[in-house]
Amino acid sequence: MGGTARDLARNVAALLAHDSVILAVRNQSTLSPGEAVEIRRAFESELRAGGARLAAAPPAAELQLTLSENLTEFLLVAELRRGGQRDVLMDSWPRAPLLSPTPVAGAPAPVTIEKKLLWEQEQPILDVARLDDGVLVLDPARILLFRGPQRQSVPIVPPHAWPRDLRGRLATAGAEFTAWLPGLACRGVTQPHLSAECRESQQPWPVAPGATAALAPARNFFEGRVTIDSWGSRDLPAFYSAAQVGDTWVFAGIDGRARLYTRSWEARGVLDQWGADLAGVATTCGPRILSTRPAAITEPDAIQPFQIVEGAANPAGPPLDFPGPVTALWSNGSSAIAVSHDPRTKRYAAFSLAPACGN
């Protein structure tokens, strides 16, 4: 990994041509903090050897070094920004084969995520619900039901212009369902055929299993008033998403920081460098939290499992990569629904994410 860091640093230094640069390193992999520090030292050393000068403040160029991984290799991605110019360079090195791993006493079992495609279309997908015999899809203009070769739909008439970053939520109970959109709630059934009635509503949304909150008017985030089963209600900073992991609730704030709370609503810590979408999932090796990356809306994204230990977030498995941004992530308890947008094909795809313990 040191050789890979030095090789990548030489290529970056050639682009910088003795300019000064601000370096930030983000570890989105299962590499230990010590290994991440070793990679940074090798990278910085080679940058300086190539003539680059490390700075601490603008107007220097900005360099984001990200450590990531997939099932076969570790990835090192350097994103260099200078004025309006952006260059992305990457390199990799193979992971050690996981043939007969020897468990470490007390170490948490790694969590891998199985991704299954549920539906794909050109129109934005807001949420998807799996049924026993089909799939229910919510998009900005309609509710769709796919049951084998049959396709049914119910149009949605917005009571006002939708906000730019539109969000939506689906919840099912047997043949009944509810769809939430900004200022609108649609209730309907899927049997014997699809039907729904939509009315203006400011009803709180289910933001996670056991928790509800009201969407801020004409915005894409939730107001701070949260109600959690058996915890009661509380006013918190506005947030994009919420997730439960064990006896802790985590809220992804609109300021880019995730805040942790205990059952007595005591602040347990603040986490940086997480994305805006979180989902708590129950696994056979304990509760885990899925988080997106703090990536730009045009960049590739990933969802990675984490374990919360004493207010700190530890990677609990490899990230699951997506070709474009993850636009929605909702928990169903033991699984999750994720929607992503592929900037190459211009299509949206909804996936079921099933976490599993072990490699």
Protein backbone atom coordinates (compact mmCIF):
# COMPACT_ATOMS: atom_id res chain seq x y z
CA MET A 1 0.00 0.00 0.00
CA GLY A 2 2.96 2.32 0.59
CA GLY A 3 4.17 1.78 -2.97
CA THR A 4 0.72 2.53 -4.35
CA ALA A 5 0.55 5.76 -2.31
CA ARG A 6 3.95 6.88 -3.59
CA ASP A 7 3.09 6.06 -7.22
CA LEU A 8 -0.12 8.06 -7.01
CA ALA A 9 1.65 10.96 -5.26
CA ARG A 10 4.20 11.21 -8.08
CA ASN A 11 1.38 11.54 -10.64
CA VAL A 12 -0.34 14.20 -8.53
CA ALA A 13 2.92 16.12 -8.05
CA ALA A 14 3.41 16.19 -11.83
CA LEU A 15 0.00 17.89 -12.16
CA LEU A 16 0.73 20.39 -9.40
CA ALA A 17 4.02 21.57 -10.92
CA HIS A 18 5.41 22.93 -7.60
CA ASP A 19 2.13 24.59 -6.56
CA SER A 20 1.00 24.54 -2.94
CA VAL A 21 -1.85 22.23 -1.95
CA ILE A 22 -4.17 21.57 1.00
CA LEU A 23 -4.35 17.83 1.67
CA ALA A 24 -7.31 16.06 3.33
CA VAL A 25 -7.45 12.29 3.82
CA ARG A 26 -10.66 10.29 4.24
CA ASN A 27 -10.66 6.59 5.16
CA GLN A 28 -13.79 4.89 3.80
CA SER A 29 -12.21 1.43 3.91
CA THR A 30 -11.66 -1.27 6.53
CA LEU A 31 -7.98 -0.32 6.81
CA SER A 32 -7.03 0.51 10.38
CA PRO A 33 -6.31 4.10 11.51
CA GLY A 34 -2.64 3.15 11.77
CA GLU A 35 -2.57 1.92 8.17
CA ALA A 36 -4.32 5.09 7.00
CA VAL A 37 -1.65 7.17 8.76
CA GLU A 38 1.08 5.10 7.07
CA ILE A 39 -0.48 5.72 3.66
CA ARG A 40 -0.74 9.45 4.34
CA ARG A 41 2.90 9.68 5.39
CA ALA A 42 4.08 7.87 2.26
CA PHE A 43 1.84 10.04 0.08
CA GLU A 44 2.97 13.32 1.69
CA SER A 45 6.64 12.35 1.50
CA GLU A 46 6.44 11.60 -2.21
CA LEU A 47 4.44 14.78 -2.87
CA ARG A 48 7.21 16.87 -1.29
CA ALA A 49 9.87 14.91 -3.15
CA GLY A 50 8.05 15.80 -6.38
CA GLY A 51 8.18 19.51 -5.59
CA ALA A 52 4.67 20.05 -4.19
CA ARG A 53 4.29 22.26 -1.14
CA LEU A 54 1.71 21.38 1.53
CA ALA A 55 -0.32 24.35 2.77
CA ALA A 56 -2.91 24.86 5.50
CA ALA A 57 -5.16 27.53 3.99
CA PRO A 58 -6.40 28.94 0.65
CA PRO A 59 -5.60 30.02 -2.04
CA ALA A 60 -3.73 26.75 -2.42
CA ALA A 61 -5.13 23.91 -4.51
CA GLU A 62 -7.31 21.37 -2.69
CA LEU A 63 -6.48 17.67 -2.72
CA GLN A 64 -8.85 15.02 -1.31
CA LEU A 65 -7.26 11.59 -0.84
CA THR A 66 -9.85 8.84 -0.27
CA LEU A 67 -9.17 5.26 0.82
CA SER A 68 -11.83 2.86 -0.41
CA GLU A 69 -12.17 -0.80 -1.36
CA ASN A 70 -14.17 -3.44 -3.16
CA LEU A 71 -14.21 -7.21 -2.79
CA THR A 72 -10.84 -7.71 -4.51
CA GLU A 73 -8.72 -4.59 -4.01
CA PHE A 74 -8.11 -1.43 -2.02
CA LEU A 75 -8.56 1.85 -3.90
CA LEU A 76 -6.70 5.12 -3.47
CA VAL A 77 -8.45 8.07 -5.14
CA ALA A 78 -6.92 11.56 -5.41
CA GLU A 79 -9.26 14.42 -6.35
CA LEU A 80 -7.39 17.64 -7.16
CA ARG A 81 -9.28 20.95 -7.45
CA ARG A 82 -7.60 24.11 -8.74
CA GLY A 83 -9.89 27.00 -9.52
CA GLY A 84 -12.53 25.58 -11.85
CA GLN A 85 -10.41 22.59 -12.87
CA ARG A 86 -10.89 19.12 -11.38
CA ASP A 87 -8.62 16.10 -11.90
CA VAL A 88 -9.23 12.62 -10.49
CA LEU A 89 -6.45 10.03 -10.33
CA MET A 90 -6.63 6.60 -8.76
CA ASP A 91 -4.55 3.53 -8.09
CA SER A 92 -5.14 0.23 -6.31
CA TRP A 93 -3.51 -2.76 -4.69
CA PRO A 94 -4.96 -6.24 -4.17
CA ARG A 95 -6.56 -7.34 -0.94
CA ALA A 96 -5.24 -10.44 0.74
CA PRO A 97 -7.38 -13.46 -0.23
CA LEU A 98 -9.95 -14.43 2.38
CA LEU A 99 -9.64 -18.20 2.05
CA SER A 100 -9.61 -19.48 5.62
CA PRO A 101 -9.75 -16.46 7.88
CA THR A 102 -8.79 -16.95 11.50
CA PRO A 103 -11.27 -15.11 13.73
CA VAL A 104 -9.81 -12.62 16.18
CA ALA A 105 -11.21 -12.99 19.67
CA GLY A 106 -13.62 -10.16 20.41
CA ALA A 107 -13.45 -8.68 16.91
CA PRO A 108 -16.83 -7.87 15.32
CA ALA A 109 -17.80 -10.00 12.34
CA PRO A 110 -17.56 -8.09 9.04
CA VAL A 111 -20.82 -7.22 7.32
CA THR A 112 -21.20 -7.57 3.57
CA ILE A 113 -24.14 -6.12 1.66
CA GLU A 114 -26.02 -8.06 -1.00
CA LYS A 115 -27.51 -5.71 -3.60
CA LYS A 116 -30.56 -6.83 -5.61
CA LEU A 117 -32.10 -4.70 -8.38
CA LEU A 118 -35.84 -4.12 -7.86
CA TRP A 119 -36.72 -1.57 -10.54
CA GLU A 120 -35.07 0.81 -13.02
CA GLN A 121 -36.48 3.74 -15.02
CA GLU A 122 -35.62 7.12 -16.53
CA GLN A 123 -37.89 9.09 -14.18
CA PRO A 124 -36.62 9.75 -10.65
CA ILE A 125 -37.51 7.04 -8.12
CA LEU A 126 -38.40 8.35 -4.66
CA ASP A 127 -39.01 5.05 -2.86
CA VAL A 128 -39.83 1.40 -3.50
CA ALA A 129 -41.70 -1.17 -1.42
CA ARG A 130 -41.34 -4.91 -1.94
CA LEU A 131 -44.62 -6.87 -1.93
CA ASP A 132 -45.17 -10.61 -1.71
CA ASP A 133 -46.10 -10.69 -5.39
CA GLY A 134 -44.63 -7.51 -6.84
CA VAL A 135 -43.04 -4.11 -6.39
CA LEU A 136 -44.64 -0.74 -5.55
CA VAL A 137 -42.80 2.31 -6.92
CA LEU A 138 -43.22 5.98 -6.00
CA ASP A 139 -42.02 8.68 -8.40
CA PRO A 140 -42.88 12.39 -8.70
CA ALA A 141 -45.84 11.82 -11.05
CA ARG A 142 -47.38 8.49 -10.07
CA ILE A 143 -47.56 5.38 -7.95
CA LEU A 144 -46.79 2.24 -9.95
CA LEU A 145 -47.47 -1.42 -9.20
CA PHE A 146 -45.59 -4.18 -10.99
CA ARG A 147 -46.96 -7.66 -10.42
CA GLY A 148 -45.48 -10.15 -12.86
CA PRO A 149 -46.26 -8.95 -16.40
CA GLN A 150 -49.02 -6.66 -15.09
CA ARG A 151 -48.42 -2.94 -14.67
CA GLN A 152 -50.83 -0.54 -12.97
CA SER A 153 -50.41 3.12 -12.07
CA VAL A 154 -52.19 5.94 -10.23
CA PRO A 155 -51.34 9.55 -11.16
CA ILE A 156 -50.24 12.07 -8.53
CA VAL A 157 -51.39 15.67 -8.90
CA PRO A 158 -49.06 17.98 -6.96
CA PRO A 159 -50.88 20.55 -4.78
CA HIS A 160 -48.03 22.96 -5.56
CA ALA A 161 -44.73 22.98 -7.43
CA TRP A 162 -42.44 20.26 -6.12
CA PRO A 163 -39.17 21.39 -4.52
CA ARG A 164 -36.03 20.88 -6.62
CA ASP A 165 -34.65 17.99 -4.53
CA LEU A 166 -37.87 16.04 -4.19
CA ARG A 167 -38.18 13.29 -1.58
CA GLY A 168 -40.88 10.69 -1.02
CA ARG A 169 -41.66 7.77 1.26
CA LEU A 170 -43.66 4.55 0.96
CA ALA A 171 -45.00 2.34 3.75
CA THR A 172 -47.08 -0.82 3.34
CA ALA A 173 -49.20 -2.93 5.66
CA GLY A 174 -50.60 -5.96 3.89
CA ALA A 175 -52.53 -4.72 0.85
CA GLU A 176 -52.70 -1.14 2.21
CA PHE A 177 -50.07 1.54 1.66
CA THR A 178 -49.32 5.20 2.33
CA ALA A 179 -47.16 7.43 0.16
CA TRP A 180 -45.77 10.71 1.50
CA LEU A 181 -44.60 13.62 -0.64
CA PRO A 182 -44.05 17.26 0.39
CA GLY A 183 -47.43 18.54 1.59
CA LEU A 184 -49.25 15.46 0.29
CA ALA A 185 -50.25 12.03 1.60
CA CYS A 186 -51.70 9.27 -0.59
CA ARG A 187 -53.45 6.26 0.90
CA GLY A 188 -54.46 3.25 -1.15
CA VAL A 189 -54.54 -0.49 -1.68
CA THR A 190 -52.83 -2.93 -4.05
CA GLN A 191 -55.64 -5.53 -4.02
CA PRO A 192 -57.73 -6.42 -5.97
CA HIS A 193 -56.21 -3.64 -8.09
CA LEU A 194 -54.16 -0.53 -7.44
CA SER A 195 -56.09 2.51 -6.19
CA ALA A 196 -55.17 5.56 -4.11
CA GLU A 197 -56.58 8.85 -2.86
CA CYS A 198 -54.23 11.79 -2.31
CA ARG A 199 -54.89 14.75 -0.03
CA GLU A 200 -52.90 17.74 1.19
CA SER A 201 -51.25 16.86 4.47
CA GLN A 202 -48.49 17.96 6.82
CA GLN A 203 -48.49 14.59 8.56
CA PRO A 204 -45.06 13.50 9.85
CA TRP A 205 -43.20 10.91 7.78
CA PRO A 206 -41.73 7.63 9.05
CA VAL A 207 -38.04 8.55 8.85
CA ALA A 208 -36.92 5.18 10.24
CA PRO A 209 -38.62 2.20 11.90
CA GLY A 210 -40.12 3.58 15.12
CA ALA A 211 -39.49 7.27 14.37
CA THR A 212 -41.45 10.06 12.65
CA ALA A 213 -40.68 13.69 11.76
CA ALA A 214 -42.20 16.45 9.64
CA LEU A 215 -40.58 17.43 6.36
CA ALA A 216 -39.69 21.13 6.27
CA PRO A 217 -42.05 22.97 3.87
CA ALA A 218 -40.66 23.16 0.31
CA ARG A 219 -37.33 21.68 1.45
CA ASN A 220 -35.67 18.27 1.33
CA PHE A 221 -34.84 17.90 5.03
CA PHE A 222 -36.81 17.22 8.19
CA GLU A 223 -37.60 19.74 10.87
CA GLY A 224 -36.07 19.04 14.23
CA ARG A 225 -39.23 17.80 16.00
CA VAL A 226 -38.78 14.02 16.23
CA THR A 227 -41.03 11.41 17.83
CA ILE A 228 -39.54 8.01 18.68
CA ASP A 229 -41.55 5.09 20.02
CA SER A 230 -41.02 4.71 23.79
CA TRP A 231 -38.69 7.74 23.79
CA GLY A 232 -41.25 10.48 23.22
CA SER A 233 -40.69 13.70 21.27
CA ARG A 234 -37.72 16.03 21.14
CA ASP A 235 -36.62 19.15 19.27
CA LEU A 236 -33.33 18.49 17.48
CA PRO A 237 -31.32 20.29 14.79
CA ALA A 238 -32.79 19.82 11.30
CA PHE A 239 -31.63 16.63 9.60
CA TYR A 240 -31.75 14.67 6.35
CA SER A 241 -32.07 11.12 7.74
CA ALA A 242 -32.15 9.14 10.97
CA ALA A 243 -31.11 5.65 12.02
CA GLN A 244 -31.21 3.51 15.14
CA VAL A 245 -28.29 1.30 16.07
CA GLY A 246 -28.75 -0.51 19.38
CA ASP A 247 -29.63 1.98 22.12
CA THR A 248 -28.38 4.92 20.05
CA TRP A 249 -30.12 7.12 17.49
CA VAL A 250 -28.09 8.92 14.83
CA PHE A 251 -29.30 11.98 12.88
CA ALA A 252 -27.51 13.23 9.75
CA GLY A 253 -27.70 17.00 10.20
CA ILE A 254 -27.97 19.50 7.38
CA ASP A 255 -24.59 20.93 8.49
CA GLY A 256 -22.82 17.74 7.36
CA ARG A 257 -22.40 16.32 10.88
CA ALA A 258 -24.12 13.26 12.33
CA ARG A 259 -25.27 13.56 15.95
CA LEU A 260 -25.70 10.62 18.35
CA TYR A 261 -28.25 10.46 21.17
CA THR A 262 -28.88 7.96 23.95
CA ARG A 263 -32.27 6.76 25.19
CA SER A 264 -32.42 9.69 27.66
CA TRP A 265 -31.80 12.12 24.76
CA GLU A 266 -28.29 12.84 25.96
CA ALA A 267 -25.80 13.83 23.26
CA ARG A 268 -23.38 10.95 22.79
CA GLY A 269 -21.07 12.39 20.15
CA VAL A 270 -20.72 14.00 16.73
CA LEU A 271 -19.46 12.24 13.60
CA ASP A 272 -17.95 13.96 10.58
CA GLN A 273 -17.34 12.71 7.03
CA TRP A 274 -20.62 10.83 6.68
CA GLY A 275 -23.14 11.31 3.93
CA ALA A 276 -26.67 12.67 4.25
CA ASP A 277 -28.37 9.25 4.03
CA LEU A 278 -28.31 6.79 6.92
CA ALA A 279 -30.16 3.53 7.61
CA GLY A 280 -30.02 1.29 10.66
CA VAL A 281 -30.21 -2.46 10.02
CA ALA A 282 -30.41 -5.46 12.31
CA THR A 283 -27.99 -8.29 11.52
CA THR A 284 -27.22 -11.62 13.16
CA CYS A 285 -23.97 -10.12 14.46
CA GLY A 286 -25.66 -7.08 15.96
CA PRO A 287 -27.07 -3.72 14.82
CA ARG A 288 -25.16 -1.84 12.14
CA ILE A 289 -25.64 1.50 10.45
CA LEU A 290 -25.37 2.06 6.69
CA SER A 291 -24.05 5.41 5.53
CA THR A 292 -23.45 7.04 2.17
CA ARG A 293 -20.34 9.07 1.41
CA PRO A 294 -20.22 12.87 1.67
CA ALA A 295 -19.92 12.98 -2.13
CA ALA A 296 -21.05 15.61 -4.60
CA ILE A 297 -24.29 14.92 -6.49
CA THR A 298 -22.39 14.18 -9.71
CA GLU A 299 -19.82 11.79 -8.24
CA PRO A 300 -19.83 8.02 -7.66
CA ASP A 301 -21.16 7.07 -4.25
CA ALA A 302 -20.95 4.13 -1.86
CA ILE A 303 -22.85 2.69 1.09
CA GLN A 304 -20.77 1.25 3.89
CA PRO A 305 -21.72 -0.54 7.13
CA PHE A 306 -20.47 0.89 10.44
CA GLN A 307 -20.56 -0.15 14.05
CA ILE A 308 -21.05 2.44 16.78
CA VAL A 309 -18.76 1.82 19.78
CA GLU A 310 -18.70 4.32 22.66
CA GLY A 311 -19.76 7.20 20.44
CA ALA A 312 -17.30 6.41 17.64
CA ALA A 313 -18.06 4.94 14.21
CA ASN A 314 -15.90 2.02 13.09
CA PRO A 315 -16.10 0.56 9.55
CA ALA A 316 -17.78 -2.84 9.85
CA GLY A 317 -17.35 -4.07 6.28
CA PRO A 318 -16.37 -3.04 2.76
CA PRO A 319 -18.25 -0.23 0.99
CA LEU A 320 -20.78 -1.06 -1.72
CA ASP A 321 -20.02 1.12 -4.74
CA PHE A 322 -22.56 2.87 -6.98
CA PRO A 323 -21.76 4.53 -10.35
CA GLY A 324 -23.51 7.74 -9.30
CA PRO A 325 -25.05 9.43 -6.27
CA VAL A 326 -27.36 7.57 -3.89
CA THR A 327 -30.54 9.67 -3.91
CA ALA A 328 -32.51 7.76 -1.26
CA LEU A 329 -31.77 5.26 1.51
CA TRP A 330 -34.52 3.91 3.79
CA SER A 331 -34.40 1.19 6.43
CA ASN A 332 -36.88 -1.68 6.60
CA GLY A 333 -35.46 -3.09 9.83
CA SER A 334 -33.32 -6.02 8.73
CA SER A 335 -32.80 -4.67 5.19
CA ALA A 336 -32.80 -1.35 3.36
CA ILE A 337 -33.91 0.24 0.10
CA ALA A 338 -31.42 2.34 -1.86
CA VAL A 339 -32.00 4.42 -4.99
CA SER A 340 -29.13 5.63 -7.15
CA HIS A 341 -28.78 7.72 -10.31
CA ASP A 342 -26.32 6.67 -13.00
CA PRO A 343 -25.01 9.83 -14.75
CA ARG A 344 -23.89 7.77 -17.75
CA THR A 345 -27.21 6.10 -18.55
CA LYS A 346 -29.35 8.91 -17.02
CA ARG A 347 -31.46 6.22 -15.31
CA TYR A 348 -32.54 5.67 -11.72
CA ALA A 349 -32.34 2.26 -10.10
CA ALA A 350 -33.83 0.96 -6.84
CA PHE A 351 -32.10 -1.83 -4.94
CA SER A 352 -32.82 -4.03 -1.97
CA LEU A 353 -29.81 -4.13 0.37
CA ALA A 354 -29.49 -7.22 2.56
CA PRO A 355 -26.64 -7.18 5.11
CA ALA A 356 -25.00 -10.49 6.04
CA CYS A 357 -22.40 -11.32 8.65
CA GLY A 358 -19.17 -12.88 7.41
CA ASN A 359 -17.06 -12.53 4.29
